[in-house]
Amino acid sequence: MLRVSLALLSLISVNVFALTEAVDIYSDKQLISLIHSEQYLQRVKADDCQLVQDIEARAEVLQQPLYQFLWGEMLNNGVCVTAHPSRGMMLLQTSAEQGSSEAMVKLADYYYRGKLVVKNPNRAVQYVLPAAANGDVSARMLLVRLFSEGYGSPTDYEMGYHWLYNSIFDNDAQQKKASSLLQMLAAKMPASRVAGASSHSCTHVRSSTLWSELFGN
């Protein structure tokens, strides 16, 4: 009888371990891929919220920009934790100040859509400009969309057009979306400016000053 009980206990222990198998923390490469595919919150939930403490530590203690982004978004959306948008937005801001293009794009998106903040597309332009200058394709697409809707300075249209026109895209769907956005912006620009922005080089680029203009550093 004792042998049977021990065997059952051993079997139960093995099954419990299998159900609660530890999840490895995400590498920067994994996290960037999850962010760009907009699957980062789904992944945290799919991992049964096992990494909450690790994510918080990397964001709050180690102050790693990508984990500040992830932890901030978890707080903004109440994923595996109690929602705390004021803290979440502060973490996104800190991540952006450390140079995270992902955080800049997310902040710009919030201001563009008016989610958690007062809708302010012109502020969205300010946040997304440095990320676009750094080569982030998502940032360049959002920037061109904002310009085509009349936000930002018309003097920057050529720069935004040039950046997106000369980007490398991940797939055909992204390329087609970019082409559509470029057509929308081209309708607001003189033909000579469109031709100049479509060239390999463009004189109207001021990316070196964008960061200091936004954050005062």
C-alpha atoms as a PDB file:
ATOM      1  CA  MET A   1       0.000   0.000   0.000  1.00  0.00           C
ATOM      2  CA  LEU A   2       2.878   2.356   0.900  1.00  0.00           C
ATOM      3  CA  ARG A   3       4.592   1.630  -2.408  1.00  0.00           C
ATOM      4  CA  VAL A   4       1.400   2.455  -4.300  1.00  0.00           C
ATOM      5  CA  SER A   5       1.012   5.739  -2.421  1.00  0.00           C
ATOM      6  CA  LEU A   6       4.604   6.748  -3.112  1.00  0.00           C
ATOM      7  CA  ALA A   7       4.201   5.897  -6.787  1.00  0.00           C
ATOM      8  CA  LEU A   8       1.050   8.035  -7.022  1.00  0.00           C
ATOM      9  CA  LEU A   9       2.765  10.918  -5.207  1.00  0.00           C
ATOM     10  CA  SER A  10       5.715  10.711  -7.588  1.00  0.00           C
ATOM     11  CA  LEU A  11       3.401  10.741 -10.611  1.00  0.00           C
ATOM     12  CA  ILE A  12       1.488  13.751  -9.290  1.00  0.00           C
ATOM     13  CA  SER A  13       4.735  15.632  -8.630  1.00  0.00           C
ATOM     14  CA  VAL A  14       5.940  15.009 -12.170  1.00  0.00           C
ATOM     15  CA  ASN A  15       2.635  16.225 -13.636  1.00  0.00           C
ATOM     16  CA  VAL A  16       2.631  19.346 -11.468  1.00  0.00           C
ATOM     17  CA  PHE A  17       6.215  20.138 -12.512  1.00  0.00           C
ATOM     18  CA  ALA A  18       5.263  19.724 -16.172  1.00  0.00           C
ATOM     19  CA  LEU A  19       2.353  22.118 -15.773  1.00  0.00           C
ATOM     20  CA  THR A  20       4.474  24.758 -14.016  1.00  0.00           C
ATOM     21  CA  GLU A  21       7.671  24.404 -16.005  1.00  0.00           C
ATOM     22  CA  ALA A  22       9.782  27.532 -15.657  1.00  0.00           C
ATOM     23  CA  VAL A  23       9.721  30.069 -18.497  1.00  0.00           C
ATOM     24  CA  ASP A  24      12.986  31.691 -19.561  1.00  0.00           C
ATOM     25  CA  ILE A  25      13.219  35.470 -19.580  1.00  0.00           C
ATOM     26  CA  TYR A  26      13.043  36.980 -23.048  1.00  0.00           C
ATOM     27  CA  SER A  27      16.209  38.010 -24.852  1.00  0.00           C
ATOM     28  CA  ASP A  28      16.369  41.519 -26.324  1.00  0.00           C
ATOM     29  CA  LYS A  29      16.017  39.991 -29.792  1.00  0.00           C
ATOM     30  CA  GLN A  30      12.893  38.056 -28.766  1.00  0.00           C
ATOM     31  CA  LEU A  31      11.370  41.070 -27.080  1.00  0.00           C
ATOM     32  CA  ILE A  32      11.982  43.359 -30.063  1.00  0.00           C
ATOM     33  CA  SER A  33      10.344  40.771 -32.328  1.00  0.00           C
ATOM     34  CA  LEU A  34       7.348  40.512 -29.976  1.00  0.00           C
ATOM     35  CA  ILE A  35       7.002  44.299 -29.823  1.00  0.00           C
ATOM     36  CA  HIS A  36       7.210  44.766 -33.590  1.00  0.00           C
ATOM     37  CA  SER A  37       4.603  42.038 -34.131  1.00  0.00           C
ATOM     38  CA  GLU A  38       2.468  43.512 -31.312  1.00  0.00           C
ATOM     39  CA  GLN A  39       2.416  40.164 -29.502  1.00  0.00           C
ATOM     40  CA  TYR A  40       4.305  41.150 -26.347  1.00  0.00           C
ATOM     41  CA  LEU A  41       1.313  41.328 -23.986  1.00  0.00           C
ATOM     42  CA  GLN A  42      -0.191  38.143 -25.418  1.00  0.00           C
ATOM     43  CA  ARG A  43       3.126  36.373 -24.818  1.00  0.00           C
ATOM     44  CA  VAL A  44       3.266  37.465 -21.176  1.00  0.00           C
ATOM     45  CA  LYS A  45      -0.261  36.116 -20.671  1.00  0.00           C
ATOM     46  CA  ALA A  46       0.517  32.922 -22.615  1.00  0.00           C
ATOM     47  CA  ASP A  47       3.422  32.331 -20.235  1.00  0.00           C
ATOM     48  CA  ASP A  48       0.894  32.331 -17.375  1.00  0.00           C
ATOM     49  CA  CYS A  49       2.330  35.561 -15.933  1.00  0.00           C
ATOM     50  CA  GLN A  50       5.337  33.641 -14.566  1.00  0.00           C
ATOM     51  CA  LEU A  51       7.813  36.374 -15.507  1.00  0.00           C
ATOM     52  CA  VAL A  52       6.129  39.330 -13.815  1.00  0.00           C
ATOM     53  CA  GLN A  53       8.745  39.711 -11.065  1.00  0.00           C
ATOM     54  CA  ASP A  54      11.643  39.293 -13.500  1.00  0.00           C
ATOM     55  CA  ILE A  55      10.161  41.859 -15.886  1.00  0.00           C
ATOM     56  CA  GLU A  56       9.556  44.336 -13.059  1.00  0.00           C
ATOM     57  CA  ALA A  57      13.117  43.912 -11.752  1.00  0.00           C
ATOM     58  CA  ARG A  58      14.657  44.495 -15.182  1.00  0.00           C
ATOM     59  CA  ALA A  59      12.508  47.601 -15.642  1.00  0.00           C
ATOM     60  CA  GLU A  60      12.614  49.175 -12.186  1.00  0.00           C
ATOM     61  CA  VAL A  61      16.005  48.049 -10.829  1.00  0.00           C
ATOM     62  CA  LEU A  62      18.196  47.397 -13.869  1.00  0.00           C
ATOM     63  CA  GLN A  63      16.373  50.086 -15.886  1.00  0.00           C
ATOM     64  CA  GLN A  64      16.644  48.207 -19.170  1.00  0.00           C
ATOM     65  CA  PRO A  65      14.770  50.232 -21.834  1.00  0.00           C
ATOM     66  CA  LEU A  66      13.017  47.299 -23.527  1.00  0.00           C
ATOM     67  CA  TYR A  67      11.800  45.965 -20.193  1.00  0.00           C
ATOM     68  CA  GLN A  68      10.728  49.453 -19.127  1.00  0.00           C
ATOM     69  CA  PHE A  69       8.613  49.416 -22.296  1.00  0.00           C
ATOM     70  CA  LEU A  70       7.158  45.975 -21.502  1.00  0.00           C
ATOM     71  CA  TRP A  71       6.520  46.660 -17.816  1.00  0.00           C
ATOM     72  CA  GLY A  72       5.024  50.037 -18.666  1.00  0.00           C
ATOM     73  CA  GLU A  73       2.658  48.461 -21.164  1.00  0.00           C
ATOM     74  CA  MET A  74       1.655  45.774 -18.654  1.00  0.00           C
ATOM     75  CA  LEU A  75       0.778  48.547 -16.202  1.00  0.00           C
ATOM     76  CA  ASN A  76      -1.022  50.572 -18.867  1.00  0.00           C
ATOM     77  CA  ASN A  77      -3.179  47.615 -19.879  1.00  0.00           C
ATOM     78  CA  GLY A  78      -3.502  45.746 -16.581  1.00  0.00           C
ATOM     79  CA  VAL A  79      -1.834  42.593 -17.910  1.00  0.00           C
ATOM     80  CA  CYS A  80      -0.898  40.215 -15.063  1.00  0.00           C
ATOM     81  CA  VAL A  81      -0.894  43.212 -12.678  1.00  0.00           C
ATOM     82  CA  THR A  82      -3.298  45.862 -11.466  1.00  0.00           C
ATOM     83  CA  ALA A  83      -3.521  48.634 -14.051  1.00  0.00           C
ATOM     84  CA  HIS A  84      -1.489  51.739 -13.161  1.00  0.00           C
ATOM     85  CA  PRO A  85      -1.351  53.959 -16.294  1.00  0.00           C
ATOM     86  CA  SER A  86       0.384  56.921 -14.647  1.00  0.00           C
ATOM     87  CA  ARG A  87       3.329  54.701 -13.719  1.00  0.00           C
ATOM     88  CA  GLY A  88       3.176  52.895 -17.042  1.00  0.00           C
ATOM     89  CA  MET A  89       3.385  56.095 -19.062  1.00  0.00           C
ATOM     90  CA  MET A  90       6.267  57.320 -16.911  1.00  0.00           C
ATOM     91  CA  LEU A  91       8.178  54.122 -17.697  1.00  0.00           C
ATOM     92  CA  LEU A  92       7.539  54.549 -21.423  1.00  0.00           C
ATOM     93  CA  GLN A  93       8.850  58.113 -21.176  1.00  0.00           C
ATOM     94  CA  THR A  94      11.989  56.922 -19.374  1.00  0.00           C
ATOM     95  CA  SER A  95      12.505  54.188 -21.959  1.00  0.00           C
ATOM     96  CA  ALA A  96      12.184  56.747 -24.757  1.00  0.00           C
ATOM     97  CA  GLU A  97      14.677  59.041 -23.041  1.00  0.00           C
ATOM     98  CA  GLN A  98      17.141  56.144 -23.019  1.00  0.00           C
ATOM     99  CA  GLY A  99      16.769  55.874 -26.792  1.00  0.00           C
ATOM    100  CA  SER A 100      14.141  53.170 -27.236  1.00  0.00           C
ATOM    101  CA  SER A 101      12.507  53.677 -30.629  1.00  0.00           C
ATOM    102  CA  GLU A 102       9.798  51.233 -29.564  1.00  0.00           C
ATOM    103  CA  ALA A 103       8.839  53.485 -26.643  1.00  0.00           C
ATOM    104  CA  MET A 104       8.895  56.604 -28.816  1.00  0.00           C
ATOM    105  CA  VAL A 105       6.535  54.997 -31.331  1.00  0.00           C
ATOM    106  CA  LYS A 106       4.186  53.770 -28.597  1.00  0.00           C
ATOM    107  CA  LEU A 107       4.012  57.196 -26.946  1.00  0.00           C
ATOM    108  CA  ALA A 108       3.376  58.781 -30.346  1.00  0.00           C
ATOM    109  CA  ASP A 109       0.599  56.270 -30.992  1.00  0.00           C
ATOM    110  CA  TYR A 110      -1.053  57.059 -27.650  1.00  0.00           C
ATOM    111  CA  TYR A 111      -1.062  60.784 -28.425  1.00  0.00           C
ATOM    112  CA  TYR A 112      -2.235  60.161 -31.989  1.00  0.00           C
ATOM    113  CA  ARG A 113      -5.204  58.054 -30.841  1.00  0.00           C
ATOM    114  CA  GLY A 114      -5.870  59.889 -27.580  1.00  0.00           C
ATOM    115  CA  LYS A 115      -5.499  56.747 -25.453  1.00  0.00           C
ATOM    116  CA  LEU A 116      -4.661  57.391 -21.775  1.00  0.00           C
ATOM    117  CA  VAL A 117      -3.763  60.983 -22.705  1.00  0.00           C
ATOM    118  CA  VAL A 118      -5.480  63.957 -24.324  1.00  0.00           C
ATOM    119  CA  LYS A 119      -5.385  63.485 -28.097  1.00  0.00           C
ATOM    120  CA  ASN A 120      -2.519  65.566 -29.483  1.00  0.00           C
ATOM    121  CA  PRO A 121      -1.254  64.469 -32.933  1.00  0.00           C
ATOM    122  CA  ASN A 122       1.303  67.283 -33.048  1.00  0.00           C
ATOM    123  CA  ARG A 123       2.919  65.917 -29.903  1.00  0.00           C
ATOM    124  CA  ALA A 124       2.820  62.510 -31.547  1.00  0.00           C
ATOM    125  CA  VAL A 125       4.951  63.988 -34.340  1.00  0.00           C
ATOM    126  CA  GLN A 126       7.497  65.188 -31.776  1.00  0.00           C
ATOM    127  CA  TYR A 127       7.786  61.730 -30.222  1.00  0.00           C
ATOM    128  CA  VAL A 128       8.000  59.781 -33.460  1.00  0.00           C
ATOM    129  CA  LEU A 129      10.509  62.024 -35.272  1.00  0.00           C
ATOM    130  CA  PRO A 130      13.640  60.785 -33.438  1.00  0.00           C
ATOM    131  CA  ALA A 131      12.616  57.146 -33.908  1.00  0.00           C
ATOM    132  CA  ALA A 132      12.039  57.762 -37.610  1.00  0.00           C
ATOM    133  CA  ALA A 133      15.446  59.449 -37.863  1.00  0.00           C
ATOM    134  CA  ASN A 134      17.003  56.360 -36.243  1.00  0.00           C
ATOM    135  CA  GLY A 135      15.595  54.164 -39.019  1.00  0.00           C
ATOM    136  CA  ASP A 136      12.565  52.592 -37.325  1.00  0.00           C
ATOM    137  CA  VAL A 137      10.186  51.722 -40.189  1.00  0.00           C
ATOM    138  CA  SER A 138       7.071  51.725 -37.988  1.00  0.00           C
ATOM    139  CA  ALA A 139       8.014  55.212 -36.823  1.00  0.00           C
ATOM    140  CA  ARG A 140       8.516  56.385 -40.393  1.00  0.00           C
ATOM    141  CA  MET A 141       5.121  55.048 -41.418  1.00  0.00           C
ATOM    142  CA  LEU A 142       3.379  56.758 -38.503  1.00  0.00           C
ATOM    143  CA  LEU A 143       5.255  59.988 -39.214  1.00  0.00           C
ATOM    144  CA  VAL A 144       4.177  60.016 -42.868  1.00  0.00           C
ATOM    145  CA  ARG A 145       0.598  59.258 -41.818  1.00  0.00           C
ATOM    146  CA  LEU A 146       0.652  62.202 -39.417  1.00  0.00           C
ATOM    147  CA  PHE A 147       2.123  64.509 -42.066  1.00  0.00           C
ATOM    148  CA  SER A 148      -0.435  63.380 -44.635  1.00  0.00           C
ATOM    149  CA  GLU A 149      -3.215  64.235 -42.173  1.00  0.00           C
ATOM    150  CA  GLY A 150      -1.865  67.755 -41.799  1.00  0.00           C
ATOM    151  CA  TYR A 151       0.035  67.509 -38.516  1.00  0.00           C
ATOM    152  CA  GLY A 152       3.613  68.655 -37.967  1.00  0.00           C
ATOM    153  CA  SER A 153       5.501  71.211 -40.029  1.00  0.00           C
ATOM    154  CA  PRO A 154       5.159  71.217 -43.850  1.00  0.00           C
ATOM    155  CA  THR A 155       8.869  71.999 -44.016  1.00  0.00           C
ATOM    156  CA  ASP A 156       9.503  68.464 -42.707  1.00  0.00           C
ATOM    157  CA  TYR A 157       7.330  66.680 -45.284  1.00  0.00           C
ATOM    158  CA  GLU A 158      10.220  66.138 -47.680  1.00  0.00           C
ATOM    159  CA  MET A 159      12.350  64.637 -44.926  1.00  0.00           C
ATOM    160  CA  GLY A 160       9.595  62.253 -43.811  1.00  0.00           C
ATOM    161  CA  TYR A 161       8.865  61.233 -47.411  1.00  0.00           C
ATOM    162  CA  HIS A 162      12.556  60.610 -48.076  1.00  0.00           C
ATOM    163  CA  TRP A 163      12.993  58.414 -45.000  1.00  0.00           C
ATOM    164  CA  LEU A 164      10.041  56.162 -45.765  1.00  0.00           C
ATOM    165  CA  TYR A 165      10.701  56.056 -49.518  1.00  0.00           C
ATOM    166  CA  ASN A 166      14.223  54.738 -48.892  1.00  0.00           C
ATOM    167  CA  SER A 167      13.283  52.237 -46.153  1.00  0.00           C
ATOM    168  CA  ILE A 168      13.668  48.471 -46.388  1.00  0.00           C
ATOM    169  CA  PHE A 169      10.411  46.637 -45.614  1.00  0.00           C
ATOM    170  CA  ASP A 170       9.840  43.312 -43.888  1.00  0.00           C
ATOM    171  CA  ASN A 171       7.190  42.065 -46.310  1.00  0.00           C
ATOM    172  CA  ASP A 172       4.968  42.982 -49.261  1.00  0.00           C
ATOM    173  CA  ALA A 173       2.067  44.027 -47.052  1.00  0.00           C
ATOM    174  CA  GLN A 174       4.215  46.564 -45.217  1.00  0.00           C
ATOM    175  CA  GLN A 175       5.626  47.850 -48.521  1.00  0.00           C
ATOM    176  CA  LYS A 176       2.150  48.320 -49.981  1.00  0.00           C
ATOM    177  CA  LYS A 177       0.989  50.173 -46.873  1.00  0.00           C
ATOM    178  CA  ALA A 178       4.045  52.436 -47.077  1.00  0.00           C
ATOM    179  CA  SER A 179       3.399  53.137 -50.756  1.00  0.00           C
ATOM    180  CA  SER A 180      -0.171  54.149 -49.955  1.00  0.00           C
ATOM    181  CA  LEU A 181       1.008  56.507 -47.209  1.00  0.00           C
ATOM    182  CA  LEU A 182       3.601  58.032 -49.522  1.00  0.00           C
ATOM    183  CA  GLN A 183       0.919  58.717 -52.123  1.00  0.00           C
ATOM    184  CA  MET A 184      -1.165  60.496 -49.497  1.00  0.00           C
ATOM    185  CA  LEU A 185       1.757  62.687 -48.450  1.00  0.00           C
ATOM    186  CA  ALA A 186       2.826  63.364 -52.049  1.00  0.00           C
ATOM    187  CA  ALA A 187      -0.594  64.939 -52.636  1.00  0.00           C
ATOM    188  CA  LYS A 188       0.389  67.651 -50.130  1.00  0.00           C
ATOM    189  CA  MET A 189       3.813  68.348 -51.668  1.00  0.00           C
ATOM    190  CA  PRO A 190       4.984  70.172 -54.832  1.00  0.00           C
ATOM    191  CA  ALA A 191       6.114  67.749 -57.551  1.00  0.00           C
ATOM    192  CA  SER A 192       9.673  69.074 -57.339  1.00  0.00           C
ATOM    193  CA  ARG A 193       9.802  68.272 -53.620  1.00  0.00           C
ATOM    194  CA  VAL A 194       8.487  64.766 -54.206  1.00  0.00           C
ATOM    195  CA  ALA A 195      11.159  64.221 -56.862  1.00  0.00           C
ATOM    196  CA  GLY A 196      13.865  65.463 -54.508  1.00  0.00           C
ATOM    197  CA  ALA A 197      12.618  63.310 -51.634  1.00  0.00           C
ATOM    198  CA  SER A 198      12.586  60.248 -53.900  1.00  0.00           C
ATOM    199  CA  SER A 199      16.322  60.542 -54.550  1.00  0.00           C
ATOM    200  CA  HIS A 200      18.928  58.524 -52.682  1.00  0.00           C
ATOM    201  CA  SER A 201      20.161  61.635 -50.866  1.00  0.00           C
ATOM    202  CA  CYS A 202      18.131  64.450 -49.401  1.00  0.00           C
ATOM    203  CA  THR A 203      19.477  67.774 -48.150  1.00  0.00           C
ATOM    204  CA  HIS A 204      16.580  68.419 -45.763  1.00  0.00           C
ATOM    205  CA  VAL A 205      17.661  66.162 -42.898  1.00  0.00           C
ATOM    206  CA  ARG A 206      18.117  67.433 -39.366  1.00  0.00           C
ATOM    207  CA  SER A 207      18.042  64.174 -37.378  1.00  0.00           C
ATOM    208  CA  SER A 208      21.036  65.135 -35.226  1.00  0.00           C
ATOM    209  CA  THR A 209      19.007  67.821 -33.453  1.00  0.00           C
ATOM    210  CA  LEU A 210      15.724  65.947 -33.053  1.00  0.00           C
ATOM    211  CA  TRP A 211      16.554  64.296 -29.733  1.00  0.00           C
ATOM    212  CA  SER A 212      17.691  67.508 -28.043  1.00  0.00           C
ATOM    213  CA  GLU A 213      14.632  69.334 -29.360  1.00  0.00           C
ATOM    214  CA  LEU A 214      12.299  66.759 -27.823  1.00  0.00           C
ATOM    215  CA  PHE A 215      13.964  65.980 -24.491  1.00  0.00           C
ATOM    216  CA  GLY A 216      16.239  68.990 -24.002  1.00  0.00           C
ATOM    217  CA  ASN A 217      19.414  66.895 -23.680  1.00  0.00           C
END
